[in-house]
Amino acid sequence: MSSTVSYWILSSARKTIATLQGGQRLYSRYASNRIKSEWRLFPQGPATLKDNAAACGSIALQKAYRHTSTEEEDFHLQLSPEQVSEVLRAGESAHKILDLVSRAPDSVLRFESNQLAANSPVEDRRGIAACLQTNGLLFGIFDGHGGHACAQAVSERLFYYVAVSLMSQQTLEQMEEAMESMKPLLPILQWLKHPGDSIYKDVTSVHLDHLRVYWQELLNLHMEMGLNTEEALMYSFQRLDSDISLEIQAPLEDEMTRNLSLQVAFSGATACLAHVDGVHLHVANAGDCRAILGVQEDNGMWSCLPLTQDHNAWNPAELSRLKREHPQSEDRTVIMENRLLGVLMPCRAFGDVQLKWSKELQRSVLERGFDTEALNIYQFIPPHYYTPPYLTARPEVTYHRLRPQDKFLVLASDGLWDVLGNEDVVRLVVEHLAEEGQHKPDLAQRPTNLGLMQSLLQQRKAQGLHAADQNAATRLIRYAIGNNEYGEMEPERLSAMLTLPEDLARMYRDDITVTVVYFNSESIGASSKRS
């Protein structure tokens, strides 16, 4: 790694860190334009927003919370291209769907996924599962903030709510009969595992109880065919968020469950979920994760089709929605400094009950003897907190009928979209597909020349180039953190970004999680002709 690149990144980090004292805790605020922190926390007490802003601009501050690196000599690591690739590929996952799921829709060929952490522990989560009692595959990206607890819970539970919502009346009755007679339940999901996934993704007894209450309510609707997909996604998001809120309000005897429920409710997570059933693609989004389609027209030209809108202050529709839902007197305070109430970037999310509950409810729950310091719970109510809830988990649901020209779907957390535009992402995946096709050896027509292969590998190594990524998600992450302001890949920058210590990494990049789903154009075309 170039010492100049490393020194610039580290010295810049020290200059852009600012701290705020809040009670007994120091909170870091980073002035980097590149990466945002989801939550911005102000000190409790009589200080005004103006005072806080002045404090953040001050240079003579105490040492930053979590910032423990002080010596330039600590940062002399230089990763070889092979080591860089090893780090980038540690979270890879790639599978052909039919090898894993016999009932998978034939419109999906395969998927590739990867994740790179900036937070420690990583706050992003991802999920892929097949619905076993209905048709369809589920793909999800979950971006946590204020800790990983909420993202973890949503990634484990939301798919179950969706799967149950899609079941017919008859299947729900079989589920209820099994519970009443204490027989095994029908299998609901088949999970496709990623590196680092939870070993145990089955629903716990407490969560199963709430899932059962949900399907009992669905039974009471007496809908023979169940909800349609759009309704299922809409209800599932909102119902899970409601259950997360209610679970910590209810008395729980088990201390571990009680503590975890509090952490889930007081942290937050945005979510983007895709349901693919044949040619029917539905995408539900709450927050600032994103989904796009890579489309190849008949003339060979590629384009991007966005399937989601970011729910943040830069979305005029979100600003209008928030102003409609609150009194006119709050028009200037509901969004401040491009954040919800001045503290949160996304305007829709699971959890984050600090922005949903009344002040009285927050106090009553937190006064039940929780060790909020040990649980890392922020006891903070923003200024101008008058008419909650300000935050919702209600998703926007988009339907798209797949066409032969729809080649792939990219789902990713905002760590990717912060640094790469939609068109850049499509271009990089297309380049990956082109390279993938070029590098497939034609062994039937061309005998392997080991001497030539060894020579090419030595040349590549001498030039400092990495072996081509076999995973499109890895390629996207590589370019997201290694490109410069001109969009060019800089190996020195990439190495420097990967060798930053934990207390600095989050200042320059966010957790990045990416899933790329490839579609079967032939199957989609045949289905379109039949219909």
Protein backbone atom coordinates (compact mmCIF):
# COMPACT_ATOMS: atom_id res chain seq x y z
CA MET A 1 0.00 0.00 0.00
CA SER A 2 1.35 3.45 -0.84
CA SER A 3 2.41 5.27 2.32
CA THR A 4 0.99 8.48 0.83
CA VAL A 5 -2.47 6.97 0.32
CA SER A 6 -2.45 5.38 3.78
CA TYR A 7 -1.25 8.55 5.48
CA TRP A 8 -3.89 10.68 3.73
CA ILE A 9 -6.74 8.39 4.75
CA LEU A 10 -5.61 8.16 8.37
CA SER A 11 -4.67 11.79 8.89
CA SER A 12 -7.92 12.86 7.23
CA ALA A 13 -9.80 10.59 9.60
CA ARG A 14 -8.27 12.27 12.62
CA LYS A 15 -9.18 15.71 11.31
CA THR A 16 -12.81 14.83 10.59
CA ILE A 17 -13.72 13.17 13.88
CA ALA A 18 -15.77 15.22 16.31
CA THR A 19 -17.32 14.15 19.56
CA LEU A 20 -20.32 15.00 21.66
CA GLN A 21 -20.67 14.27 25.33
CA GLY A 22 -24.07 12.82 26.19
CA GLY A 23 -24.53 11.84 29.80
CA GLN A 24 -21.81 9.32 30.59
CA ARG A 25 -21.27 8.36 26.95
CA LEU A 26 -19.23 9.90 24.17
CA TYR A 27 -20.78 9.81 20.75
CA SER A 28 -18.74 10.21 17.60
CA ARG A 29 -19.89 12.39 14.77
CA TYR A 30 -18.06 12.09 11.48
CA ALA A 31 -17.82 14.98 9.05
CA SER A 32 -17.02 12.78 6.07
CA ASN A 33 -19.09 13.63 2.99
CA ARG A 34 -18.67 10.12 1.66
CA ILE A 35 -20.29 8.06 4.38
CA LYS A 36 -23.17 8.86 6.69
CA SER A 37 -23.96 7.64 10.16
CA GLU A 38 -27.58 6.53 10.42
CA TRP A 39 -28.17 8.01 13.86
CA ARG A 40 -26.91 11.40 14.92
CA LEU A 41 -27.09 11.84 18.68
CA PHE A 42 -27.12 15.13 20.56
CA PRO A 43 -26.24 15.65 24.24
CA GLN A 44 -29.13 15.61 26.65
CA GLY A 45 -29.82 18.74 28.60
CA PRO A 46 -30.63 22.36 27.82
CA ALA A 47 -28.17 22.76 24.92
CA THR A 48 -29.79 23.85 21.67
CA LEU A 49 -29.26 22.54 18.17
CA LYS A 50 -27.21 25.65 17.47
CA ASP A 51 -25.00 24.87 20.46
CA ASN A 52 -24.59 21.29 19.27
CA ALA A 53 -23.61 22.39 15.80
CA ALA A 54 -21.02 24.74 17.26
CA ALA A 55 -19.64 21.95 19.42
CA CYS A 56 -19.32 19.68 16.41
CA GLY A 57 -17.38 22.32 14.52
CA SER A 58 -14.89 22.83 17.31
CA ILE A 59 -11.39 21.48 16.81
CA ALA A 60 -10.32 21.41 20.44
CA LEU A 61 -12.32 18.34 21.45
CA GLN A 62 -11.81 15.40 23.71
CA LYS A 63 -10.69 12.12 22.18
CA ALA A 64 -13.34 10.38 20.13
CA TYR A 65 -15.31 7.46 21.46
CA ARG A 66 -14.11 4.24 19.77
CA HIS A 67 -11.14 6.11 18.23
CA THR A 68 -8.18 4.28 19.69
CA SER A 69 -5.60 4.50 16.89
CA THR A 70 -3.10 7.31 17.43
CA GLU A 71 0.21 6.37 15.84
CA GLU A 72 0.83 6.60 12.10
CA GLU A 73 3.34 3.77 12.49
CA ASP A 74 0.47 1.42 13.38
CA PHE A 75 -0.72 1.50 9.77
CA HIS A 76 1.96 0.06 7.56
CA LEU A 77 0.15 -3.05 6.38
CA GLN A 78 0.32 -3.70 2.69
CA LEU A 79 -1.93 -6.34 1.24
CA SER A 80 -0.93 -8.24 -1.86
CA PRO A 81 -3.56 -8.53 -4.65
CA GLU A 82 -4.16 -12.11 -3.50
CA GLN A 83 -4.73 -10.97 0.11
CA VAL A 84 -7.08 -8.21 -1.03
CA SER A 85 -9.14 -10.76 -2.96
CA GLU A 86 -9.16 -13.12 0.01
CA VAL A 87 -10.65 -10.41 2.22
CA LEU A 88 -13.19 -9.38 -0.39
CA ARG A 89 -14.30 -12.94 -1.13
CA ALA A 90 -14.71 -14.15 2.45
CA GLY A 91 -18.48 -13.53 2.44
CA GLU A 92 -19.22 -14.89 -1.02
CA SER A 93 -22.16 -17.13 -1.79
CA ALA A 94 -23.20 -18.39 -5.23
CA HIS A 95 -25.62 -21.14 -6.20
CA LYS A 96 -27.68 -22.45 -9.05
CA ILE A 97 -31.22 -22.37 -7.72
CA LEU A 98 -32.34 -25.73 -9.11
CA ASP A 99 -29.42 -27.43 -7.35
CA LEU A 100 -30.84 -26.22 -4.03
CA VAL A 101 -34.61 -25.94 -4.41
CA SER A 102 -36.60 -28.43 -6.45
CA ARG A 103 -39.73 -26.25 -6.51
CA ALA A 104 -37.94 -23.04 -7.44
CA PRO A 105 -39.49 -20.96 -10.25
CA ASP A 106 -37.74 -21.71 -13.52
CA SER A 107 -37.44 -17.98 -14.22
CA VAL A 108 -34.47 -17.81 -11.82
CA LEU A 109 -31.19 -19.38 -12.90
CA ARG A 110 -28.83 -18.58 -10.03
CA PHE A 111 -27.74 -15.95 -7.57
CA GLU A 112 -24.44 -14.49 -6.35
CA SER A 113 -24.09 -12.64 -3.07
CA ASN A 114 -21.42 -11.09 -0.87
CA GLN A 115 -20.98 -8.87 2.15
CA LEU A 116 -18.15 -6.67 3.45
CA ALA A 117 -18.29 -5.27 6.97
CA ALA A 118 -17.34 -1.78 8.06
CA ASN A 119 -19.04 -1.89 11.44
CA SER A 120 -17.89 -4.35 14.08
CA PRO A 121 -19.99 -6.39 14.32
CA VAL A 122 -21.49 -6.00 10.86
CA GLU A 123 -24.98 -4.47 10.96
CA ASP A 124 -26.20 -5.65 7.53
CA ARG A 125 -27.99 -8.94 7.04
CA ARG A 126 -29.19 -10.87 3.96
CA GLY A 127 -31.56 -13.74 3.35
CA ILE A 128 -32.65 -16.09 0.56
CA ALA A 129 -35.37 -18.69 0.99
CA ALA A 130 -37.94 -20.70 -0.95
CA CYS A 131 -41.59 -20.74 0.14
CA LEU A 132 -42.46 -24.41 0.53
CA GLN A 133 -46.26 -24.17 0.81
CA THR A 134 -46.61 -21.71 -2.06
CA ASN A 135 -44.55 -20.91 -5.10
CA GLY A 136 -41.82 -18.33 -5.05
CA LEU A 137 -38.35 -17.33 -3.94
CA LEU A 138 -37.60 -14.60 -1.42
CA PHE A 139 -34.47 -12.43 -1.53
CA GLY A 140 -33.84 -9.85 1.19
CA ILE A 141 -31.31 -7.18 2.18
CA PHE A 142 -31.53 -5.73 5.71
CA ASP A 143 -29.47 -2.71 6.74
CA GLY A 144 -29.24 -2.21 10.49
CA HIS A 145 -28.41 0.94 12.41
CA GLY A 146 -27.89 1.59 16.10
CA GLY A 147 -26.63 -1.99 16.36
CA HIS A 148 -27.30 -5.24 14.54
CA ALA A 149 -30.13 -6.63 16.69
CA CYS A 150 -33.07 -5.34 14.65
CA ALA A 151 -31.57 -6.33 11.29
CA GLN A 152 -30.87 -9.80 12.66
CA ALA A 153 -34.43 -10.21 13.91
CA VAL A 154 -36.04 -8.92 10.72
CA SER A 155 -33.83 -11.11 8.53
CA GLU A 156 -34.91 -14.18 10.53
CA ARG A 157 -38.62 -13.40 10.86
CA LEU A 158 -39.93 -11.35 7.93
CA PHE A 159 -39.82 -14.21 5.42
CA TYR A 160 -42.04 -16.31 7.70
CA TYR A 161 -44.66 -13.54 7.83
CA VAL A 162 -44.61 -13.25 4.04
CA ALA A 163 -44.83 -17.02 3.53
CA VAL A 164 -47.77 -17.32 5.94
CA SER A 165 -49.52 -14.35 4.30
CA LEU A 166 -49.40 -16.14 0.94
CA MET A 167 -50.89 -19.42 2.21
CA SER A 168 -54.37 -20.54 1.27
CA GLN A 169 -57.13 -20.92 3.83
CA GLN A 170 -56.74 -24.70 3.68
CA THR A 171 -52.98 -24.57 4.41
CA LEU A 172 -53.50 -22.18 7.31
CA GLU A 173 -56.11 -24.52 8.75
CA GLN A 174 -53.60 -27.38 8.55
CA MET A 175 -51.04 -25.21 10.35
CA GLU A 176 -53.50 -24.41 13.13
CA GLU A 177 -54.61 -28.03 13.49
CA ALA A 178 -50.98 -29.12 13.84
CA MET A 179 -50.43 -26.58 16.62
CA GLU A 180 -53.60 -27.60 18.47
CA SER A 181 -52.75 -31.31 18.30
CA MET A 182 -49.05 -30.65 19.06
CA LYS A 183 -47.97 -32.26 15.79
CA PRO A 184 -45.07 -31.09 13.60
CA LEU A 185 -45.83 -28.01 11.54
CA LEU A 186 -45.77 -28.06 7.79
CA PRO A 187 -42.37 -26.82 6.58
CA ILE A 188 -42.66 -23.13 5.74
CA LEU A 189 -39.29 -22.09 4.30
CA GLN A 190 -36.17 -23.62 2.88
CA TRP A 191 -33.28 -21.31 3.73
CA LEU A 192 -30.27 -20.93 1.44
CA LYS A 193 -27.32 -20.27 3.70
CA HIS A 194 -24.60 -17.64 3.39
CA PRO A 195 -21.19 -17.53 5.12
CA GLY A 196 -21.64 -16.17 8.64
CA ASP A 197 -25.38 -16.88 8.75
CA SER A 198 -27.03 -17.81 12.00
CA ILE A 199 -26.78 -21.55 12.53
CA TYR A 200 -30.38 -21.63 13.71
CA LYS A 201 -32.95 -19.72 11.68
CA ASP A 202 -36.08 -21.53 12.82
CA VAL A 203 -38.61 -19.42 14.69
CA THR A 204 -38.27 -19.40 18.47
CA SER A 205 -41.24 -20.28 20.65
CA VAL A 206 -42.03 -16.64 21.49
CA HIS A 207 -41.84 -15.59 17.87
CA LEU A 208 -43.85 -18.62 16.77
CA ASP A 209 -46.62 -17.62 19.19
CA HIS A 210 -46.87 -14.21 17.51
CA LEU A 211 -46.68 -15.74 14.04
CA ARG A 212 -49.53 -18.04 15.03
CA VAL A 213 -51.66 -15.14 16.20
CA TYR A 214 -51.07 -13.56 12.79
CA TRP A 215 -52.16 -16.62 10.83
CA GLN A 216 -55.20 -17.00 13.12
CA GLU A 217 -56.20 -13.48 12.13
CA LEU A 218 -55.71 -14.39 8.49
CA LEU A 219 -57.96 -17.41 9.01
CA ASN A 220 -60.64 -15.12 10.37
CA LEU A 221 -60.63 -13.23 7.07
CA HIS A 222 -62.02 -16.39 5.38
CA MET A 223 -60.08 -15.75 2.17
CA GLU A 224 -59.90 -19.08 0.35
CA MET A 225 -56.88 -18.21 -1.79
CA GLY A 226 -55.11 -16.03 0.76
CA LEU A 227 -53.77 -12.54 0.22
CA ASN A 228 -52.35 -11.46 -3.09
CA THR A 229 -48.60 -10.86 -3.17
CA GLU A 230 -48.76 -7.08 -2.85
CA GLU A 231 -51.07 -7.33 0.17
CA ALA A 232 -48.93 -10.08 1.70
CA LEU A 233 -45.79 -7.95 1.50
CA MET A 234 -47.51 -4.83 2.77
CA TYR A 235 -49.13 -6.57 5.75
CA SER A 236 -46.05 -8.62 6.62
CA PHE A 237 -43.75 -5.61 6.98
CA GLN A 238 -46.20 -3.71 9.15
CA ARG A 239 -47.25 -6.70 11.23
CA LEU A 240 -43.68 -7.72 12.08
CA ASP A 241 -42.82 -4.16 13.05
CA SER A 242 -45.90 -4.04 15.28
CA ASP A 243 -44.92 -7.33 16.92
CA ILE A 244 -41.37 -6.04 17.55
CA SER A 245 -42.90 -3.07 19.33
CA LEU A 246 -45.44 -5.10 21.34
CA GLU A 247 -43.01 -7.82 22.43
CA ILE A 248 -41.00 -5.47 24.64
CA GLN A 249 -44.16 -3.88 26.06
CA ALA A 250 -45.48 -7.27 27.22
CA PRO A 251 -44.12 -8.75 30.47
CA LEU A 252 -41.38 -11.30 29.76
CA GLU A 253 -39.96 -13.48 32.53
CA ASP A 254 -36.84 -14.64 30.71
CA GLU A 255 -34.16 -11.97 31.15
CA MET A 256 -32.25 -12.89 28.00
CA THR A 257 -35.39 -12.69 25.84
CA ARG A 258 -36.38 -9.43 27.50
CA ASN A 259 -32.96 -7.84 26.89
CA LEU A 260 -32.85 -9.00 23.29
CA SER A 261 -36.36 -7.70 22.64
CA LEU A 262 -35.31 -4.30 23.98
CA GLN A 263 -32.23 -4.20 21.75
CA VAL A 264 -34.30 -5.17 18.71
CA ALA A 265 -36.93 -2.49 19.39
CA PHE A 266 -34.46 0.31 20.13
CA SER A 267 -32.16 -0.39 17.19
CA GLY A 268 -33.46 -0.20 13.63
CA ALA A 269 -33.27 -1.74 10.17
CA THR A 270 -34.29 -0.85 6.65
CA ALA A 271 -35.35 -3.69 4.37
CA CYS A 272 -35.69 -4.49 0.69
CA LEU A 273 -37.35 -7.78 -0.20
CA ALA A 274 -38.01 -9.36 -3.61
CA HIS A 275 -40.51 -12.16 -4.26
CA VAL A 276 -40.11 -14.01 -7.56
CA ASP A 277 -42.84 -16.39 -8.75
CA GLY A 278 -42.43 -17.31 -12.41
CA VAL A 279 -42.59 -14.08 -14.41
CA HIS A 280 -44.08 -12.18 -11.45
CA LEU A 281 -41.59 -10.01 -9.57
CA HIS A 282 -42.68 -8.01 -6.53
CA VAL A 283 -40.29 -5.80 -4.58
CA ALA A 284 -41.15 -4.32 -1.18
CA ASN A 285 -38.90 -1.59 0.19
CA ALA A 286 -38.84 0.37 3.44
CA GLY A 287 -35.82 2.65 3.77
CA ASP A 288 -32.78 3.25 1.62
CA CYS A 289 -31.76 -0.19 0.41
CA ARG A 290 -32.36 -0.45 -3.30
CA ALA A 291 -33.33 -2.87 -6.10
CA ILE A 292 -32.67 -2.42 -9.82
CA LEU A 293 -33.06 -4.52 -12.96
CA GLY A 294 -30.36 -4.89 -15.61
CA VAL A 295 -32.15 -4.80 -18.98
CA GLN A 296 -30.71 -5.67 -22.40
CA GLU A 297 -32.73 -4.32 -25.29
CA ASP A 298 -33.11 -6.04 -28.65
CA ASN A 299 -30.37 -3.83 -30.13
CA GLY A 300 -27.92 -5.09 -27.49
CA MET A 301 -27.88 -1.86 -25.46
CA TRP A 302 -28.07 -2.14 -21.68
CA SER A 303 -30.15 0.00 -19.36
CA CYS A 304 -31.22 0.17 -15.74
CA LEU A 305 -34.79 -0.11 -14.46
CA PRO A 306 -35.13 1.08 -10.82
CA LEU A 307 -37.67 -0.90 -8.80
CA THR A 308 -37.48 1.11 -5.56
CA GLN A 309 -37.27 4.67 -4.34
CA ASP A 310 -35.03 5.69 -1.46
CA HIS A 311 -37.09 6.78 1.53
CA ASN A 312 -35.04 9.73 2.71
CA ALA A 313 -35.03 13.52 2.70
CA TRP A 314 -33.99 13.68 -0.96
CA ASN A 315 -37.23 12.01 -2.03
CA PRO A 316 -39.89 14.74 -2.59
CA ALA A 317 -42.71 12.21 -2.19
CA GLU A 318 -41.41 11.24 1.25
CA LEU A 319 -41.16 14.86 2.32
CA SER A 320 -44.75 15.43 1.22
CA ARG A 321 -45.93 12.29 3.05
CA LEU A 322 -44.27 13.34 6.31
CA LYS A 323 -45.72 16.83 6.13
CA ARG A 324 -49.21 15.43 5.47
CA GLU A 325 -48.95 13.15 8.51
CA HIS A 326 -47.94 15.90 10.96
CA PRO A 327 -49.24 19.38 11.82
CA GLN A 328 -48.21 22.30 9.63
CA SER A 329 -46.38 23.76 12.63
CA GLU A 330 -43.83 20.92 12.24
CA ASP A 331 -43.08 21.50 8.56
CA ARG A 332 -39.65 22.93 9.38
CA THR A 333 -38.70 20.42 12.06
CA VAL A 334 -39.87 17.03 10.79
CA ILE A 335 -36.80 17.05 8.49
CA MET A 336 -33.71 18.92 9.66
CA GLU A 337 -30.28 18.73 8.07
CA ASN A 338 -31.67 16.11 5.66
CA ARG A 339 -32.57 13.75 8.52
CA LEU A 340 -35.82 12.71 10.12
CA LEU A 341 -36.10 15.01 13.18
CA GLY A 342 -32.44 15.79 12.60
CA VAL A 343 -31.24 12.32 13.66
CA LEU A 344 -32.13 9.51 11.20
CA MET A 345 -31.32 9.29 7.50
CA PRO A 346 -34.00 6.82 6.33
CA CYS A 347 -37.63 7.85 6.75
CA ARG A 348 -38.94 4.26 6.92
CA ALA A 349 -37.52 1.45 9.04
CA PHE A 350 -38.28 -1.42 11.40
CA GLY A 351 -37.67 -0.88 15.10
CA ASP A 352 -36.44 2.59 16.17
CA VAL A 353 -39.24 2.90 18.69
CA GLN A 354 -37.63 6.15 19.88
CA LEU A 355 -39.27 7.69 16.81
CA LYS A 356 -42.57 5.81 17.11
CA TRP A 357 -43.56 5.63 20.78
CA SER A 358 -44.82 8.45 22.94
CA LYS A 359 -42.37 9.86 25.49
CA GLU A 360 -44.44 8.35 28.27
CA LEU A 361 -44.34 4.84 26.81
CA GLN A 362 -40.58 5.04 26.30
CA ARG A 363 -40.08 6.04 29.93
CA SER A 364 -42.40 3.34 31.27
CA VAL A 365 -40.60 0.58 29.36
CA LEU A 366 -37.08 1.74 30.17
CA GLU A 367 -37.93 2.09 33.88
CA ARG A 368 -38.44 -1.67 34.26
CA GLY A 369 -34.91 -2.23 35.48
CA PHE A 370 -33.03 -2.63 32.20
CA ASP A 371 -29.28 -2.04 32.25
CA THR A 372 -29.46 0.30 29.27
CA GLU A 373 -25.76 1.14 29.46
CA ALA A 374 -24.71 -2.50 29.20
CA LEU A 375 -27.30 -3.13 26.45
CA ASN A 376 -26.09 -0.05 24.54
CA ILE A 377 -29.58 1.46 24.47
CA TYR A 378 -29.64 5.16 23.62
CA GLN A 379 -32.04 6.97 25.96
CA PHE A 380 -32.61 9.89 23.65
CA ILE A 381 -35.66 11.83 22.56
CA PRO A 382 -35.02 14.30 19.73
CA PRO A 383 -35.98 17.96 20.01
CA HIS A 384 -39.33 18.84 18.42
CA TYR A 385 -40.75 15.41 19.26
CA TYR A 386 -44.45 16.31 19.42
CA THR A 387 -46.67 13.99 17.35
CA PRO A 388 -45.23 10.47 17.10
CA PRO A 389 -45.02 8.17 15.27
CA TYR A 390 -42.62 9.85 12.86
CA LEU A 391 -41.25 6.62 11.41
CA THR A 392 -43.04 3.76 9.66
CA ALA A 393 -42.14 0.31 8.34
CA ARG A 394 -44.90 0.47 5.71
CA PRO A 395 -43.18 -0.55 2.46
CA GLU A 396 -43.64 0.64 -1.07
CA VAL A 397 -44.43 -2.40 -3.22
CA THR A 398 -43.56 -2.49 -6.91
CA TYR A 399 -44.80 -5.12 -9.37
CA HIS A 400 -42.92 -5.95 -12.56
CA ARG A 401 -43.76 -8.67 -15.05
CA LEU A 402 -40.47 -10.17 -16.15
CA ARG A 403 -39.58 -10.01 -19.85
CA PRO A 404 -36.86 -11.86 -21.79
CA GLN A 405 -34.79 -8.66 -21.83
CA ASP A 406 -34.71 -8.53 -17.99
CA LYS A 407 -31.40 -10.25 -17.34
CA PHE A 408 -30.60 -9.69 -13.67
CA LEU A 409 -31.79 -8.12 -10.43
CA VAL A 410 -29.44 -6.36 -7.99
CA LEU A 411 -30.46 -5.88 -4.35
CA ALA A 412 -28.04 -4.01 -2.10
CA SER A 413 -27.75 -2.01 1.10
CA ASP A 414 -27.05 1.71 0.85
CA GLY A 415 -23.34 1.13 1.45
CA LEU A 416 -23.16 0.27 -2.27
CA TRP A 417 -25.50 2.98 -3.57
CA ASP A 418 -23.68 5.69 -1.59
CA VAL A 419 -20.69 5.29 -3.90
CA LEU A 420 -22.01 3.69 -7.11
CA GLY A 421 -24.90 4.88 -9.26
CA ASN A 422 -27.53 2.57 -10.74
CA GLU A 423 -25.97 2.72 -14.21
CA ASP A 424 -22.51 2.01 -12.79
CA VAL A 425 -23.83 -1.12 -11.07
CA VAL A 426 -25.44 -2.41 -14.26
CA ARG A 427 -22.28 -1.71 -16.25
CA LEU A 428 -20.09 -3.59 -13.75
CA VAL A 429 -22.37 -6.64 -13.73
CA VAL A 430 -22.46 -6.64 -17.53
CA GLU A 431 -18.66 -6.44 -17.63
CA HIS A 432 -18.54 -9.33 -15.18
CA LEU A 433 -20.80 -11.42 -17.41
CA ALA A 434 -18.68 -10.57 -20.45
CA GLU A 435 -15.47 -11.57 -18.67
CA GLU A 436 -17.13 -14.69 -17.34
CA GLY A 437 -17.99 -15.75 -20.89
CA GLN A 438 -14.52 -14.97 -22.19
CA HIS A 439 -12.69 -16.91 -19.50
CA LYS A 440 -14.61 -20.17 -19.85
CA PRO A 441 -12.07 -22.63 -21.35
CA ASP A 442 -13.11 -24.56 -24.46
CA LEU A 443 -11.35 -27.79 -23.51
CA ALA A 444 -13.05 -29.84 -26.22
CA GLN A 445 -11.43 -27.84 -29.03
CA ARG A 446 -8.26 -26.57 -27.39
CA PRO A 447 -5.87 -28.71 -25.33
CA THR A 448 -4.65 -27.14 -22.11
CA ASN A 449 -1.16 -25.66 -22.39
CA LEU A 450 0.18 -25.65 -18.85
CA GLY A 451 3.27 -23.70 -19.83
CA LEU A 452 1.18 -20.94 -21.38
CA MET A 453 -1.15 -20.85 -18.36
CA GLN A 454 1.78 -20.53 -15.96
CA SER A 455 3.29 -17.75 -18.06
CA LEU A 456 0.03 -15.79 -18.06
CA LEU A 457 -0.35 -16.19 -14.31
CA GLN A 458 3.20 -14.95 -13.72
CA GLN A 459 2.56 -11.93 -15.94
CA ARG A 460 -0.62 -11.13 -14.07
CA LYS A 461 1.14 -11.43 -10.72
CA ALA A 462 4.01 -9.22 -11.90
CA GLN A 463 1.52 -6.56 -12.98
CA GLY A 464 -0.16 -6.66 -9.57
CA LEU A 465 -3.54 -7.61 -11.02
CA HIS A 466 -6.12 -9.70 -9.18
CA ALA A 467 -7.55 -12.83 -10.69
CA ALA A 468 -10.98 -12.09 -12.15
CA ASP A 469 -13.76 -12.25 -9.58
CA GLN A 470 -16.10 -15.18 -10.10
CA ASN A 471 -18.87 -13.40 -8.21
CA ALA A 472 -20.57 -10.24 -9.51
CA ALA A 473 -21.36 -9.07 -5.97
CA THR A 474 -17.64 -9.18 -5.15
CA ARG A 475 -16.83 -7.14 -8.24
CA LEU A 476 -19.35 -4.50 -7.17
CA ILE A 477 -17.90 -4.29 -3.65
CA ARG A 478 -14.35 -4.13 -5.03
CA TYR A 479 -15.20 -1.14 -7.20
CA ALA A 480 -17.35 0.51 -4.52
CA ILE A 481 -14.44 0.88 -2.11
CA GLY A 482 -11.54 0.96 -4.58
CA ASN A 483 -12.60 3.54 -7.17
CA ASN A 484 -11.43 7.13 -7.08
CA GLU A 485 -13.31 10.34 -7.83
CA TYR A 486 -12.87 9.67 -11.56
CA GLY A 487 -14.46 6.22 -11.34
CA GLU A 488 -11.13 4.47 -11.83
CA MET A 489 -9.96 1.49 -9.79
CA GLU A 490 -6.96 2.30 -7.56
CA PRO A 491 -5.32 -0.81 -6.07
CA GLU A 492 -3.54 1.32 -3.44
CA ARG A 493 -6.80 2.89 -2.31
CA LEU A 494 -8.51 -0.52 -2.19
CA SER A 495 -5.73 -1.94 -0.01
CA ALA A 496 -5.78 1.09 2.25
CA MET A 497 -9.54 0.89 2.74
CA LEU A 498 -9.32 -2.79 3.67
CA THR A 499 -6.50 -2.28 6.19
CA LEU A 500 -8.14 0.52 8.14
CA PRO A 501 -8.59 -0.47 11.80
CA GLU A 502 -12.11 -1.01 13.10
CA ASP A 503 -12.29 2.39 14.77
CA LEU A 504 -11.69 4.18 11.47
CA ALA A 505 -13.26 1.94 8.83
CA ARG A 506 -16.85 3.15 9.39
CA MET A 507 -15.77 6.73 8.73
CA TYR A 508 -14.93 5.94 5.12
CA ARG A 509 -17.33 3.20 4.12
CA ASP A 510 -20.52 1.54 5.28
CA ASP A 511 -21.32 -2.15 5.52
CA ILE A 512 -22.00 -3.33 1.97
CA THR A 513 -24.28 -6.28 1.18
CA VAL A 514 -25.15 -7.26 -2.39
CA THR A 515 -27.22 -10.01 -4.01
CA VAL A 516 -27.37 -10.45 -7.79
CA VAL A 517 -30.16 -12.67 -9.17
CA TYR A 518 -29.88 -13.94 -12.75
CA PHE A 519 -33.01 -14.67 -14.77
CA ASN A 520 -33.68 -17.40 -17.33
CA SER A 521 -34.61 -15.44 -20.46
CA GLU A 522 -35.67 -18.53 -22.40
CA SER A 523 -38.09 -19.67 -19.73
CA ILE A 524 -39.49 -16.17 -19.30
CA GLY A 525 -39.93 -15.82 -23.06
CA ALA A 526 -41.73 -19.16 -23.32
CA SER A 527 -44.03 -18.21 -20.44
CA SER A 528 -44.83 -14.89 -22.09
CA LYS A 529 -45.79 -16.65 -25.34
CA ARG A 530 -48.07 -19.09 -23.49
CA SER A 531 -49.90 -16.25 -21.78
